[in-house]
Amino acid sequence: MEQKIKNLLQFYLLATELKNKIRSGWKVWNIERERIESIAEHIYGVCILAISIDSQFELGIDLYKVVMMLVLHEIEEIKIGDLTPFDKQTKEERRTLGKQAVEEVLGILDKKVEYIELIEEFEEMQTKESLFAKMCDKLEADIQSKIYCEEGCMDIQKAENQYLLKDTRIQKLLEEGAKSISDLFVENDRPIFTEKVFENIADYVKNNELLELRKEN
């Protein structure tokens, strides 16, 4: 009994380090804000988004499984940090680093194998739940980018961001009509939104003032 308690507390203390790890993507875009979203806050936001979408639309998913995937799939970032598309690692290299990190972090838990299988299912995107979870993960970042842009924290025209605009992927999105950082987030993620509901939400996020919705509460 004592060893089980020790193991669960060791995992808890390790996993909750994500409360203090900042999401790297916002720094890439030279955000100017006193307080920037942590990885743990992103996880909470994604779970709330999943619950909200499941409440409003009948998509036939196992919400418990989705939430478990969303909570667990960021566990690797305890060890490797929040890697972005602008980092030097290839997708395959990031996947290898992620697997190693997950093994280390979950190693002392009795349900390690079950949790790793959920993370693998999320990464492979072959089931309804994994697809739903992946779309929630991307859409939440799109929503947060729109909020930061509305707050004036991120500006695509900022001098420090000009080197980012030379990236071939970003240049393509700009040529296709993206005008802001939040536009870039939405349009970059659009191919992932294979469920029409997610595309509709993304369009609403792109075309409406989200901070105005807060005032209606």
N, C-alpha and C. Protein backbone atom coordinates (compact mmCIF):
# COMPACT_ATOMS: atom_id res chain seq x y z
N MET A 1 0.82 -1.21 0.00
CA MET A 1 0.00 0.00 0.00
C MET A 1 0.87 1.27 0.00
N GLU A 2 1.86 1.30 0.88
CA GLU A 2 2.71 2.49 0.97
C GLU A 2 3.44 2.76 -0.35
N GLN A 3 3.90 1.69 -1.03
CA GLN A 3 4.61 1.87 -2.29
C GLN A 3 3.68 2.41 -3.37
N LYS A 4 2.43 1.95 -3.37
CA LYS A 4 1.45 2.45 -4.35
C LYS A 4 1.20 3.94 -4.14
N ILE A 5 1.07 4.33 -2.88
CA ILE A 5 0.86 5.74 -2.56
C ILE A 5 2.07 6.56 -2.99
N LYS A 6 3.26 6.03 -2.70
CA LYS A 6 4.48 6.73 -3.09
C LYS A 6 4.54 6.89 -4.61
N ASN A 7 4.20 5.83 -5.36
CA ASN A 7 4.25 5.88 -6.82
C ASN A 7 3.26 6.90 -7.38
N LEU A 8 2.04 6.89 -6.85
CA LEU A 8 1.03 7.81 -7.40
C LEU A 8 1.40 9.26 -7.11
N LEU A 9 1.99 9.50 -5.94
CA LEU A 9 2.39 10.87 -5.61
C LEU A 9 3.59 11.32 -6.43
N GLN A 10 4.51 10.39 -6.70
CA GLN A 10 5.65 10.72 -7.56
C GLN A 10 5.17 11.09 -8.97
N PHE A 11 4.22 10.31 -9.48
CA PHE A 11 3.66 10.62 -10.81
C PHE A 11 2.94 11.95 -10.78
N TYR A 12 2.13 12.16 -9.75
CA TYR A 12 1.38 13.42 -9.64
C TYR A 12 2.33 14.62 -9.64
N LEU A 13 3.36 14.54 -8.83
CA LEU A 13 4.30 15.66 -8.72
C LEU A 13 5.03 15.92 -10.02
N LEU A 14 5.35 14.83 -10.73
CA LEU A 14 6.03 14.96 -12.02
C LEU A 14 5.08 15.54 -13.07
N ALA A 15 3.86 14.98 -13.15
CA ALA A 15 2.91 15.41 -14.17
C ALA A 15 2.46 16.84 -13.98
N THR A 16 2.31 17.26 -12.75
CA THR A 16 1.82 18.62 -12.51
C THR A 16 2.90 19.68 -12.69
N GLU A 17 4.10 19.27 -13.08
CA GLU A 17 5.09 20.26 -13.50
C GLU A 17 4.60 21.01 -14.74
N LEU A 18 3.64 20.43 -15.44
CA LEU A 18 3.09 21.07 -16.63
C LEU A 18 2.33 22.36 -16.28
N LYS A 19 1.99 22.52 -15.00
CA LYS A 19 1.38 23.78 -14.58
C LYS A 19 2.34 24.96 -14.80
N ASN A 20 3.62 24.67 -14.75
CA ASN A 20 4.63 25.72 -14.81
C ASN A 20 5.39 25.77 -16.13
N LYS A 21 5.02 24.93 -17.08
CA LYS A 21 5.68 24.92 -18.39
C LYS A 21 4.82 25.68 -19.40
N ILE A 22 5.39 26.70 -19.99
CA ILE A 22 4.66 27.57 -20.91
C ILE A 22 4.56 26.94 -22.29
N ARG A 23 3.44 27.17 -22.95
CA ARG A 23 3.27 26.70 -24.33
C ARG A 23 4.22 27.48 -25.24
N SER A 24 5.11 26.75 -25.89
CA SER A 24 6.21 27.38 -26.64
C SER A 24 5.74 28.15 -27.87
N GLY A 25 4.65 27.71 -28.48
CA GLY A 25 4.21 28.33 -29.72
C GLY A 25 3.92 29.81 -29.60
N TRP A 26 3.45 30.23 -28.43
CA TRP A 26 3.17 31.66 -28.26
C TRP A 26 4.45 32.47 -28.23
N LYS A 27 5.49 31.90 -27.64
CA LYS A 27 6.78 32.60 -27.62
C LYS A 27 7.38 32.71 -29.02
N VAL A 28 7.15 31.68 -29.83
CA VAL A 28 7.64 31.70 -31.21
C VAL A 28 7.12 32.94 -31.93
N TRP A 29 5.84 33.29 -31.64
CA TRP A 29 5.22 34.43 -32.30
C TRP A 29 5.41 35.72 -31.49
N ASN A 30 6.39 35.70 -30.59
CA ASN A 30 6.79 36.90 -29.86
C ASN A 30 5.61 37.59 -29.16
N ILE A 31 4.85 36.78 -28.44
CA ILE A 31 3.70 37.31 -27.72
C ILE A 31 4.15 38.30 -26.66
N GLU A 32 3.37 39.35 -26.47
CA GLU A 32 3.63 40.34 -25.44
C GLU A 32 2.48 40.29 -24.44
N ARG A 33 2.69 39.52 -23.40
CA ARG A 33 1.64 39.34 -22.38
C ARG A 33 2.32 38.98 -21.07
N GLU A 34 1.84 39.55 -19.98
CA GLU A 34 2.48 39.31 -18.68
C GLU A 34 2.40 37.83 -18.31
N ARG A 35 1.27 37.20 -18.61
CA ARG A 35 1.07 35.79 -18.25
C ARG A 35 0.67 35.01 -19.49
N ILE A 36 1.44 33.96 -19.81
CA ILE A 36 1.19 33.15 -21.00
C ILE A 36 0.67 31.78 -20.58
N GLU A 37 -0.19 31.24 -21.40
CA GLU A 37 -0.82 29.94 -21.13
C GLU A 37 0.22 28.85 -20.86
N SER A 38 -0.03 28.06 -19.82
CA SER A 38 0.81 26.89 -19.54
C SER A 38 0.27 25.67 -20.28
N ILE A 39 1.08 24.61 -20.34
CA ILE A 39 0.64 23.37 -20.98
C ILE A 39 -0.55 22.80 -20.23
N ALA A 40 -0.53 22.87 -18.90
CA ALA A 40 -1.64 22.36 -18.11
C ALA A 40 -2.93 23.12 -18.39
N GLU A 41 -2.83 24.42 -18.59
CA GLU A 41 -4.02 25.22 -18.92
C GLU A 41 -4.56 24.84 -20.29
N HIS A 42 -3.67 24.54 -21.22
CA HIS A 42 -4.10 24.07 -22.54
C HIS A 42 -4.86 22.75 -22.40
N ILE A 43 -4.34 21.84 -21.58
CA ILE A 43 -5.01 20.55 -21.38
C ILE A 43 -6.41 20.76 -20.83
N TYR A 44 -6.52 21.64 -19.83
CA TYR A 44 -7.85 21.94 -19.27
C TYR A 44 -8.76 22.51 -20.35
N GLY A 45 -8.24 23.45 -21.13
CA GLY A 45 -9.05 24.06 -22.18
C GLY A 45 -9.53 23.05 -23.20
N VAL A 46 -8.66 22.12 -23.59
CA VAL A 46 -9.03 21.12 -24.58
C VAL A 46 -10.12 20.20 -24.02
N CYS A 47 -9.99 19.82 -22.75
CA CYS A 47 -11.00 18.94 -22.15
C CYS A 47 -12.35 19.64 -22.06
N ILE A 48 -12.35 20.92 -21.67
CA ILE A 48 -13.59 21.69 -21.61
C ILE A 48 -14.21 21.82 -23.01
N LEU A 49 -13.36 22.03 -24.02
CA LEU A 49 -13.86 22.13 -25.39
C LEU A 49 -14.50 20.82 -25.83
N ALA A 50 -13.86 19.70 -25.51
CA ALA A 50 -14.40 18.39 -25.87
C ALA A 50 -15.75 18.16 -25.22
N ILE A 51 -15.85 18.51 -23.94
CA ILE A 51 -17.12 18.37 -23.21
C ILE A 51 -18.19 19.24 -23.85
N SER A 52 -17.83 20.47 -24.22
CA SER A 52 -18.77 21.41 -24.82
C SER A 52 -19.30 20.91 -26.16
N ILE A 53 -18.39 20.43 -27.00
CA ILE A 53 -18.80 19.95 -28.33
C ILE A 53 -19.66 18.70 -28.20
N ASP A 54 -19.27 17.81 -27.30
CA ASP A 54 -20.06 16.59 -27.08
C ASP A 54 -21.46 16.93 -26.58
N SER A 55 -21.59 18.00 -25.81
CA SER A 55 -22.89 18.42 -25.29
C SER A 55 -23.80 18.95 -26.38
N GLN A 56 -23.21 19.65 -27.36
CA GLN A 56 -24.01 20.35 -28.35
C GLN A 56 -24.26 19.55 -29.63
N PHE A 57 -23.43 18.56 -29.88
CA PHE A 57 -23.56 17.81 -31.14
C PHE A 57 -23.46 16.31 -30.88
N GLU A 58 -24.33 15.56 -31.52
CA GLU A 58 -24.34 14.10 -31.37
C GLU A 58 -23.33 13.48 -32.34
N LEU A 59 -22.12 13.25 -31.87
CA LEU A 59 -21.08 12.70 -32.73
C LEU A 59 -20.74 11.26 -32.40
N GLY A 60 -21.42 10.69 -31.39
CA GLY A 60 -21.27 9.27 -31.09
C GLY A 60 -19.89 8.86 -30.61
N ILE A 61 -19.30 9.68 -29.77
CA ILE A 61 -17.96 9.35 -29.26
C ILE A 61 -18.02 8.98 -27.78
N ASP A 62 -17.00 8.24 -27.34
CA ASP A 62 -16.84 7.90 -25.93
C ASP A 62 -16.08 9.05 -25.29
N LEU A 63 -16.81 9.94 -24.62
CA LEU A 63 -16.20 11.16 -24.09
C LEU A 63 -15.14 10.86 -23.03
N TYR A 64 -15.38 9.84 -22.20
CA TYR A 64 -14.39 9.49 -21.18
C TYR A 64 -13.06 9.13 -21.83
N LYS A 65 -13.11 8.34 -22.88
CA LYS A 65 -11.90 7.94 -23.58
C LYS A 65 -11.21 9.14 -24.21
N VAL A 66 -11.99 10.03 -24.77
CA VAL A 66 -11.45 11.25 -25.38
C VAL A 66 -10.71 12.08 -24.34
N VAL A 67 -11.36 12.30 -23.19
CA VAL A 67 -10.75 13.12 -22.15
C VAL A 67 -9.46 12.47 -21.64
N MET A 68 -9.47 11.15 -21.49
CA MET A 68 -8.26 10.46 -21.06
C MET A 68 -7.13 10.67 -22.06
N MET A 69 -7.43 10.60 -23.35
CA MET A 69 -6.42 10.84 -24.37
C MET A 69 -5.88 12.26 -24.28
N LEU A 70 -6.79 13.22 -24.10
CA LEU A 70 -6.39 14.63 -24.08
C LEU A 70 -5.53 14.95 -22.86
N VAL A 71 -5.84 14.31 -21.74
CA VAL A 71 -5.04 14.54 -20.53
C VAL A 71 -3.66 13.90 -20.65
N LEU A 72 -3.62 12.70 -21.23
CA LEU A 72 -2.38 11.93 -21.23
C LEU A 72 -1.41 12.28 -22.36
N HIS A 73 -1.92 12.73 -23.50
CA HIS A 73 -1.02 12.83 -24.65
C HIS A 73 0.03 13.93 -24.51
N GLU A 74 -0.17 14.88 -23.58
CA GLU A 74 0.83 15.93 -23.37
C GLU A 74 1.88 15.53 -22.33
N ILE A 75 1.72 14.35 -21.74
CA ILE A 75 2.63 13.89 -20.69
C ILE A 75 4.09 13.93 -21.14
N GLU A 76 4.32 13.64 -22.41
CA GLU A 76 5.70 13.62 -22.93
C GLU A 76 6.40 14.96 -22.76
N GLU A 77 5.60 16.05 -22.72
CA GLU A 77 6.19 17.38 -22.68
C GLU A 77 6.84 17.70 -21.34
N ILE A 78 6.58 16.86 -20.33
CA ILE A 78 7.30 17.00 -19.06
C ILE A 78 8.79 16.85 -19.30
N LYS A 79 9.16 15.93 -20.19
CA LYS A 79 10.56 15.62 -20.45
C LYS A 79 11.13 16.39 -21.65
N ILE A 80 10.34 16.50 -22.73
CA ILE A 80 10.90 17.04 -23.97
C ILE A 80 10.45 18.47 -24.26
N GLY A 81 9.54 18.99 -23.44
CA GLY A 81 9.05 20.34 -23.67
C GLY A 81 8.01 20.39 -24.77
N ASP A 82 7.50 21.57 -25.03
CA ASP A 82 6.47 21.79 -26.04
C ASP A 82 7.14 22.10 -27.38
N LEU A 83 7.40 21.07 -28.16
CA LEU A 83 8.05 21.26 -29.46
C LEU A 83 7.06 21.87 -30.46
N THR A 84 7.57 22.72 -31.33
CA THR A 84 6.72 23.38 -32.32
C THR A 84 7.18 23.00 -33.73
N PRO A 85 6.35 23.30 -34.74
CA PRO A 85 6.75 23.02 -36.12
C PRO A 85 8.01 23.75 -36.56
N PHE A 86 8.40 24.77 -35.80
CA PHE A 86 9.59 25.54 -36.15
C PHE A 86 10.86 24.96 -35.53
N ASP A 87 10.71 23.96 -34.67
CA ASP A 87 11.89 23.30 -34.10
C ASP A 87 12.52 22.40 -35.16
N LYS A 88 13.77 22.02 -34.93
CA LYS A 88 14.54 21.32 -35.96
C LYS A 88 14.18 19.84 -36.12
N GLN A 89 13.56 19.25 -35.10
CA GLN A 89 13.28 17.82 -35.16
C GLN A 89 12.24 17.50 -36.25
N THR A 90 12.43 16.36 -36.90
CA THR A 90 11.42 15.88 -37.85
C THR A 90 10.25 15.29 -37.07
N LYS A 91 9.17 15.03 -37.78
CA LYS A 91 8.00 14.43 -37.13
C LYS A 91 8.36 13.08 -36.53
N GLU A 92 9.17 12.30 -37.24
CA GLU A 92 9.58 10.98 -36.76
C GLU A 92 10.46 11.11 -35.51
N GLU A 93 11.36 12.09 -35.51
CA GLU A 93 12.22 12.30 -34.36
C GLU A 93 11.42 12.72 -33.14
N ARG A 94 10.43 13.59 -33.35
CA ARG A 94 9.58 14.02 -32.24
C ARG A 94 8.80 12.84 -31.68
N ARG A 95 8.33 11.97 -32.57
CA ARG A 95 7.55 10.81 -32.14
C ARG A 95 8.43 9.87 -31.29
N THR A 96 9.67 9.67 -31.71
CA THR A 96 10.59 8.81 -30.97
C THR A 96 10.89 9.40 -29.59
N LEU A 97 11.19 10.69 -29.55
CA LEU A 97 11.45 11.36 -28.28
C LEU A 97 10.23 11.29 -27.37
N GLY A 98 9.05 11.46 -27.97
CA GLY A 98 7.81 11.42 -27.20
C GLY A 98 7.57 10.06 -26.57
N LYS A 99 7.80 9.00 -27.34
CA LYS A 99 7.60 7.64 -26.82
C LYS A 99 8.53 7.36 -25.65
N GLN A 100 9.78 7.78 -25.80
CA GLN A 100 10.75 7.57 -24.72
C GLN A 100 10.34 8.33 -23.46
N ALA A 101 9.86 9.55 -23.65
CA ALA A 101 9.45 10.36 -22.51
C ALA A 101 8.24 9.76 -21.81
N VAL A 102 7.28 9.28 -22.58
CA VAL A 102 6.08 8.67 -22.01
C VAL A 102 6.44 7.45 -21.18
N GLU A 103 7.34 6.63 -21.70
CA GLU A 103 7.78 5.43 -20.97
C GLU A 103 8.39 5.83 -19.62
N GLU A 104 9.18 6.89 -19.62
CA GLU A 104 9.82 7.34 -18.39
C GLU A 104 8.80 7.86 -17.38
N VAL A 105 7.88 8.69 -17.85
CA VAL A 105 6.93 9.34 -16.94
C VAL A 105 5.91 8.36 -16.37
N LEU A 106 5.42 7.45 -17.22
CA LEU A 106 4.38 6.52 -16.79
C LEU A 106 4.95 5.24 -16.18
N GLY A 107 6.26 5.11 -16.16
CA GLY A 107 6.90 3.85 -15.78
C GLY A 107 6.51 3.28 -14.44
N ILE A 108 6.16 4.12 -13.47
CA ILE A 108 5.88 3.61 -12.13
C ILE A 108 4.39 3.34 -11.89
N LEU A 109 3.53 3.61 -12.88
CA LEU A 109 2.09 3.42 -12.69
C LEU A 109 1.67 2.00 -13.06
N ASP A 110 0.73 1.44 -12.31
CA ASP A 110 0.24 0.09 -12.58
C ASP A 110 -0.47 0.02 -13.93
N LYS A 111 -1.13 1.10 -14.35
CA LYS A 111 -1.88 1.10 -15.61
C LYS A 111 -1.07 1.71 -16.75
N LYS A 112 0.24 1.63 -16.62
CA LYS A 112 1.14 2.19 -17.63
C LYS A 112 0.80 1.72 -19.04
N VAL A 113 0.64 0.42 -19.25
CA VAL A 113 0.39 -0.13 -20.58
C VAL A 113 -0.91 0.41 -21.15
N GLU A 114 -1.95 0.45 -20.33
CA GLU A 114 -3.26 0.97 -20.78
C GLU A 114 -3.15 2.42 -21.21
N TYR A 115 -2.41 3.21 -20.44
CA TYR A 115 -2.29 4.63 -20.76
C TYR A 115 -1.44 4.86 -22.01
N ILE A 116 -0.39 4.08 -22.17
CA ILE A 116 0.44 4.20 -23.37
C ILE A 116 -0.37 3.83 -24.61
N GLU A 117 -1.21 2.82 -24.50
CA GLU A 117 -2.07 2.43 -25.62
C GLU A 117 -3.02 3.55 -26.02
N LEU A 118 -3.53 4.28 -25.04
CA LEU A 118 -4.40 5.42 -25.33
C LEU A 118 -3.63 6.52 -26.06
N ILE A 119 -2.40 6.78 -25.62
CA ILE A 119 -1.58 7.80 -26.27
C ILE A 119 -1.25 7.39 -27.71
N GLU A 120 -0.94 6.11 -27.90
CA GLU A 120 -0.65 5.62 -29.25
C GLU A 120 -1.88 5.73 -30.14
N GLU A 121 -3.05 5.42 -29.58
CA GLU A 121 -4.29 5.54 -30.35
C GLU A 121 -4.52 6.98 -30.77
N PHE A 122 -4.24 7.91 -29.85
CA PHE A 122 -4.38 9.33 -30.17
C PHE A 122 -3.46 9.72 -31.32
N GLU A 123 -2.22 9.28 -31.27
CA GLU A 123 -1.24 9.66 -32.28
C GLU A 123 -1.55 9.05 -33.65
N GLU A 124 -2.10 7.84 -33.65
CA GLU A 124 -2.36 7.15 -34.92
C GLU A 124 -3.61 7.66 -35.63
N MET A 125 -4.55 8.28 -34.89
CA MET A 125 -5.74 8.91 -35.48
C MET A 125 -6.52 7.96 -36.39
N GLN A 126 -6.81 6.77 -35.88
CA GLN A 126 -7.53 5.78 -36.68
C GLN A 126 -8.91 5.44 -36.11
N THR A 127 -9.26 6.02 -34.95
CA THR A 127 -10.55 5.74 -34.33
C THR A 127 -11.34 7.03 -34.19
N LYS A 128 -12.65 6.91 -33.96
CA LYS A 128 -13.50 8.09 -33.81
C LYS A 128 -13.01 8.97 -32.67
N GLU A 129 -12.67 8.32 -31.56
CA GLU A 129 -12.24 9.08 -30.40
C GLU A 129 -10.92 9.80 -30.62
N SER A 130 -9.97 9.13 -31.27
CA SER A 130 -8.67 9.76 -31.50
C SER A 130 -8.79 10.93 -32.48
N LEU A 131 -9.62 10.79 -33.49
CA LEU A 131 -9.84 11.88 -34.44
C LEU A 131 -10.51 13.06 -33.76
N PHE A 132 -11.52 12.77 -32.95
CA PHE A 132 -12.22 13.82 -32.21
C PHE A 132 -11.25 14.53 -31.28
N ALA A 133 -10.44 13.75 -30.56
CA ALA A 133 -9.48 14.33 -29.62
C ALA A 133 -8.46 15.21 -30.33
N LYS A 134 -7.94 14.73 -31.47
CA LYS A 134 -6.94 15.50 -32.22
C LYS A 134 -7.54 16.82 -32.72
N MET A 135 -8.79 16.77 -33.21
CA MET A 135 -9.44 17.98 -33.69
C MET A 135 -9.67 18.97 -32.55
N CYS A 136 -10.05 18.46 -31.37
CA CYS A 136 -10.21 19.33 -30.20
C CYS A 136 -8.88 19.98 -29.82
N ASP A 137 -7.81 19.21 -29.86
CA ASP A 137 -6.48 19.70 -29.50
C ASP A 137 -6.08 20.86 -30.41
N LYS A 138 -6.30 20.72 -31.70
CA LYS A 138 -5.95 21.77 -32.65
C LYS A 138 -6.88 22.97 -32.53
N LEU A 139 -8.18 22.69 -32.41
CA LEU A 139 -9.16 23.77 -32.37
C LEU A 139 -8.98 24.64 -31.13
N GLU A 140 -8.61 24.04 -30.01
CA GLU A 140 -8.41 24.83 -28.79
C GLU A 140 -7.27 25.82 -28.97
N ALA A 141 -6.20 25.38 -29.64
CA ALA A 141 -5.09 26.28 -29.92
C ALA A 141 -5.52 27.41 -30.86
N ASP A 142 -6.38 27.08 -31.82
CA ASP A 142 -6.90 28.10 -32.74
C ASP A 142 -7.72 29.14 -31.98
N ILE A 143 -8.54 28.67 -31.04
CA ILE A 143 -9.35 29.59 -30.24
C ILE A 143 -8.45 30.48 -29.39
N GLN A 144 -7.43 29.89 -28.76
CA GLN A 144 -6.54 30.68 -27.92
C GLN A 144 -5.76 31.70 -28.74
N SER A 145 -5.36 31.33 -29.94
CA SER A 145 -4.63 32.28 -30.78
C SER A 145 -5.53 33.46 -31.15
N LYS A 146 -6.82 33.18 -31.40
CA LYS A 146 -7.75 34.27 -31.73
C LYS A 146 -7.92 35.20 -30.53
N ILE A 147 -8.03 34.63 -29.34
CA ILE A 147 -8.17 35.44 -28.14
C ILE A 147 -6.94 36.33 -27.94
N TYR A 148 -5.76 35.75 -28.09
CA TYR A 148 -4.54 36.55 -27.93
C TYR A 148 -4.46 37.66 -28.98
N CYS A 149 -4.88 37.35 -30.20
CA CYS A 149 -4.86 38.38 -31.25
C CYS A 149 -5.86 39.49 -30.93
N GLU A 150 -7.05 39.12 -30.42
CA GLU A 150 -8.04 40.13 -30.06
C GLU A 150 -7.55 40.99 -28.90
N GLU A 151 -6.77 40.41 -28.00
CA GLU A 151 -6.22 41.16 -26.89
C GLU A 151 -5.07 42.07 -27.32
N GLY A 152 -4.59 41.89 -28.55
CA GLY A 152 -3.49 42.69 -29.04
C GLY A 152 -2.13 42.19 -28.58
N CYS A 153 -2.09 40.93 -28.13
CA CYS A 153 -0.83 40.36 -27.61
C CYS A 153 0.07 39.85 -28.72
N MET A 154 -0.50 39.50 -29.86
CA MET A 154 0.28 38.96 -30.97
C MET A 154 -0.06 39.74 -32.24
N ASP A 155 0.96 40.13 -32.96
CA ASP A 155 0.78 40.93 -34.16
C ASP A 155 1.64 40.37 -35.29
N ILE A 156 1.00 39.98 -36.37
CA ILE A 156 1.72 39.39 -37.50
C ILE A 156 2.70 40.39 -38.12
N GLN A 157 2.43 41.68 -37.96
CA GLN A 157 3.28 42.72 -38.56
C GLN A 157 4.47 43.09 -37.68
N LYS A 158 4.54 42.53 -36.50
CA LYS A 158 5.65 42.84 -35.60
C LYS A 158 6.97 42.50 -36.26
N ALA A 159 7.95 43.38 -36.12
CA ALA A 159 9.24 43.21 -36.80
C ALA A 159 9.87 41.86 -36.48
N GLU A 160 9.76 41.43 -35.22
CA GLU A 160 10.38 40.18 -34.81
C GLU A 160 9.75 38.95 -35.47
N ASN A 161 8.56 39.13 -36.06
CA ASN A 161 7.87 38.00 -36.69
C ASN A 161 8.15 37.87 -38.19
N GLN A 162 8.88 38.82 -38.74
CA GLN A 162 9.04 38.82 -40.19
C GLN A 162 9.80 37.60 -40.70
N TYR A 163 10.73 37.08 -39.90
CA TYR A 163 11.47 35.90 -40.36
C TYR A 163 10.56 34.68 -40.44
N LEU A 164 9.52 34.64 -39.58
CA LEU A 164 8.57 33.52 -39.60
C LEU A 164 7.75 33.53 -40.89
N LEU A 165 7.49 34.72 -41.40
CA LEU A 165 6.65 34.85 -42.59
C LEU A 165 7.37 34.35 -43.85
N LYS A 166 8.66 34.07 -43.72
CA LYS A 166 9.41 33.54 -44.85
C LYS A 166 9.31 32.01 -44.95
N ASP A 167 8.75 31.40 -43.93
CA ASP A 167 8.54 29.95 -43.94
C ASP A 167 7.60 29.60 -45.09
N THR A 168 7.94 28.58 -45.87
CA THR A 168 7.15 28.25 -47.06
C THR A 168 5.71 27.90 -46.73
N ARG A 169 5.48 27.22 -45.60
CA ARG A 169 4.10 26.87 -45.22
C ARG A 169 3.28 28.11 -44.91
N ILE A 170 3.92 29.06 -44.23
CA ILE A 170 3.22 30.29 -43.87
C ILE A 170 2.99 31.15 -45.11
N GLN A 171 3.98 31.20 -45.99
CA GLN A 171 3.82 31.97 -47.21
C GLN A 171 2.62 31.47 -48.02
N LYS A 172 2.44 30.17 -48.07
CA LYS A 172 1.31 29.59 -48.80
C LYS A 172 -0.02 30.02 -48.19
N LEU A 173 -0.10 30.00 -46.87
CA LEU A 173 -1.34 30.39 -46.18
C LEU A 173 -1.63 31.88 -46.38
N LEU A 174 -0.57 32.69 -46.38
CA LEU A 174 -0.75 34.12 -46.62
C LEU A 174 -1.24 34.38 -48.04
N GLU A 175 -0.69 33.63 -48.98
CA GLU A 175 -1.13 33.77 -50.38
C GLU A 175 -2.59 33.36 -50.55
N GLU A 176 -3.04 32.45 -49.69
CA GLU A 176 -4.42 31.97 -49.76
C GLU A 176 -5.39 32.87 -48.98
N GLY A 177 -4.87 33.92 -48.36
CA GLY A 177 -5.76 34.91 -47.75
C GLY A 177 -5.64 35.12 -46.26
N ALA A 178 -4.78 34.38 -45.57
CA ALA A 178 -4.61 34.58 -44.13
C ALA A 178 -4.05 35.97 -43.86
N LYS A 179 -4.63 36.67 -42.88
CA LYS A 179 -4.22 38.04 -42.62
C LYS A 179 -3.68 38.25 -41.20
N SER A 180 -3.87 37.30 -40.34
CA SER A 180 -3.45 37.44 -38.95
C SER A 180 -2.84 36.13 -38.47
N ILE A 181 -2.22 36.17 -37.30
CA ILE A 181 -1.66 34.95 -36.74
C ILE A 181 -2.76 33.94 -36.47
N SER A 182 -3.91 34.41 -35.98
CA SER A 182 -5.01 33.48 -35.72
C SER A 182 -5.54 32.87 -37.01
N ASP A 183 -5.54 33.64 -38.10
CA ASP A 183 -5.91 33.08 -39.41
C ASP A 183 -4.95 31.95 -39.79
N LEU A 184 -3.67 32.18 -39.54
CA LEU A 184 -2.66 31.16 -39.88
C LEU A 184 -2.91 29.88 -39.09
N PHE A 185 -3.24 30.01 -37.81
CA PHE A 185 -3.53 28.84 -36.98
C PHE A 185 -4.71 28.07 -37.56
N VAL A 186 -5.81 28.76 -37.82
CA VAL A 186 -7.03 28.10 -38.30
C VAL A 186 -6.80 27.44 -39.64
N GLU A 187 -6.21 28.16 -40.58
CA GLU A 187 -6.05 27.62 -41.93
C GLU A 187 -5.02 26.50 -41.97
N ASN A 188 -4.02 26.57 -41.11
CA ASN A 188 -3.05 25.47 -41.05
C ASN A 188 -3.70 24.19 -40.54
N ASP A 189 -4.65 24.34 -39.61
CA ASP A 189 -5.30 23.17 -39.01
C ASP A 189 -6.52 22.69 -39.79
N ARG A 190 -7.00 23.48 -40.73
CA ARG A 190 -8.25 23.15 -41.42
C ARG A 190 -8.26 21.73 -42.02
N PRO A 191 -7.18 21.26 -42.63
CA PRO A 191 -7.21 19.90 -43.19
C PRO A 191 -7.48 18.81 -42.15
N ILE A 192 -7.20 19.10 -40.89
CA ILE A 192 -7.42 18.13 -39.82
C ILE A 192 -8.90 18.05 -39.45
N PHE A 193 -9.66 19.13 -39.72
CA PHE A 193 -11.06 19.18 -39.31
C PHE A 193 -11.94 18.41 -40.31
N THR A 194 -11.84 17.10 -40.26
CA THR A 194 -12.59 16.25 -41.18
C THR A 194 -14.06 16.13 -40.79
N GLU A 195 -14.39 16.48 -39.55
CA GLU A 195 -15.78 16.50 -39.10
C GLU A 195 -16.32 17.91 -39.34
N LYS A 196 -17.45 18.01 -40.06
CA LYS A 196 -18.00 19.30 -40.46
C LYS A 196 -18.23 20.24 -39.27
N VAL A 197 -18.63 19.68 -38.15
CA VAL A 197 -18.86 20.49 -36.95
C VAL A 197 -17.62 21.29 -36.59
N PHE A 198 -16.47 20.66 -36.65
CA PHE A 198 -15.22 21.34 -36.30
C PHE A 198 -14.88 22.43 -37.31
N GLU A 199 -15.12 22.17 -38.57
CA GLU A 199 -14.88 23.20 -39.59
C GLU A 199 -15.79 24.40 -39.36
N ASN A 200 -17.05 24.13 -39.00
CA ASN A 200 -17.99 25.22 -38.74
C ASN A 200 -17.56 26.04 -37.53
N ILE A 201 -17.09 25.36 -36.48
CA ILE A 201 -16.62 26.08 -35.29
C ILE A 201 -15.40 26.92 -35.64
N ALA A 202 -14.48 26.34 -36.41
CA ALA A 202 -13.27 27.07 -36.81
C ALA A 202 -13.63 28.31 -37.61
N ASP A 203 -14.61 28.20 -38.49
CA ASP A 203 -15.05 29.35 -39.28
C ASP A 203 -15.65 30.43 -38.38
N TYR A 204 -16.42 30.00 -37.39
CA TYR A 204 -17.01 30.97 -36.46
C TYR A 204 -15.91 31.69 -35.69
N VAL A 205 -14.94 30.92 -35.21
CA VAL A 205 -13.81 31.50 -34.47
C VAL A 205 -13.08 32.52 -35.34
N LYS A 206 -12.87 32.17 -36.58
CA LYS A 206 -12.12 33.05 -37.48
C LYS A 206 -12.88 34.34 -37.78
N ASN A 207 -14.18 34.26 -37.90
CA ASN A 207 -14.96 35.39 -38.42
C ASN A 207 -15.70 36.21 -37.37
N ASN A 208 -15.55 35.85 -36.09
CA ASN A 208 -16.28 36.56 -35.04
C ASN A 208 -15.35 36.96 -33.90
N GLU A 209 -15.80 37.97 -33.14
CA GLU A 209 -15.04 38.45 -31.99
C GLU A 209 -15.37 37.59 -30.77
N LEU A 210 -14.43 36.79 -30.34
CA LEU A 210 -14.70 35.87 -29.23
C LEU A 210 -14.83 36.59 -27.89
N LEU A 211 -14.07 37.65 -27.70
CA LEU A 211 -14.14 38.35 -26.42
C LEU A 211 -15.50 39.00 -26.21
N GLU A 212 -16.21 39.27 -27.29
CA GLU A 212 -17.57 39.81 -27.16
C GLU A 212 -18.51 38.78 -26.54
N LEU A 213 -18.24 37.49 -26.79
CA LEU A 213 -19.08 36.44 -26.22
C LEU A 213 -18.98 36.42 -24.70
N ARG A 214 -17.80 36.73 -24.17
CA ARG A 214 -17.62 36.78 -22.72
C ARG A 214 -18.54 37.81 -22.08
N LYS A 215 -18.75 38.91 -22.78
CA LYS A 215 -19.57 39.99 -22.24
C LYS A 215 -21.04 39.59 -22.14
N GLU A 216 -21.42 38.55 -22.91
CA GLU A 216 -22.82 38.13 -22.90
C GLU A 216 -23.13 37.22 -21.72
N ASN A 217 -22.10 36.70 -21.03
CA ASN A 217 -22.33 35.81 -19.90
C ASN A 217 -22.74 36.57 -18.65
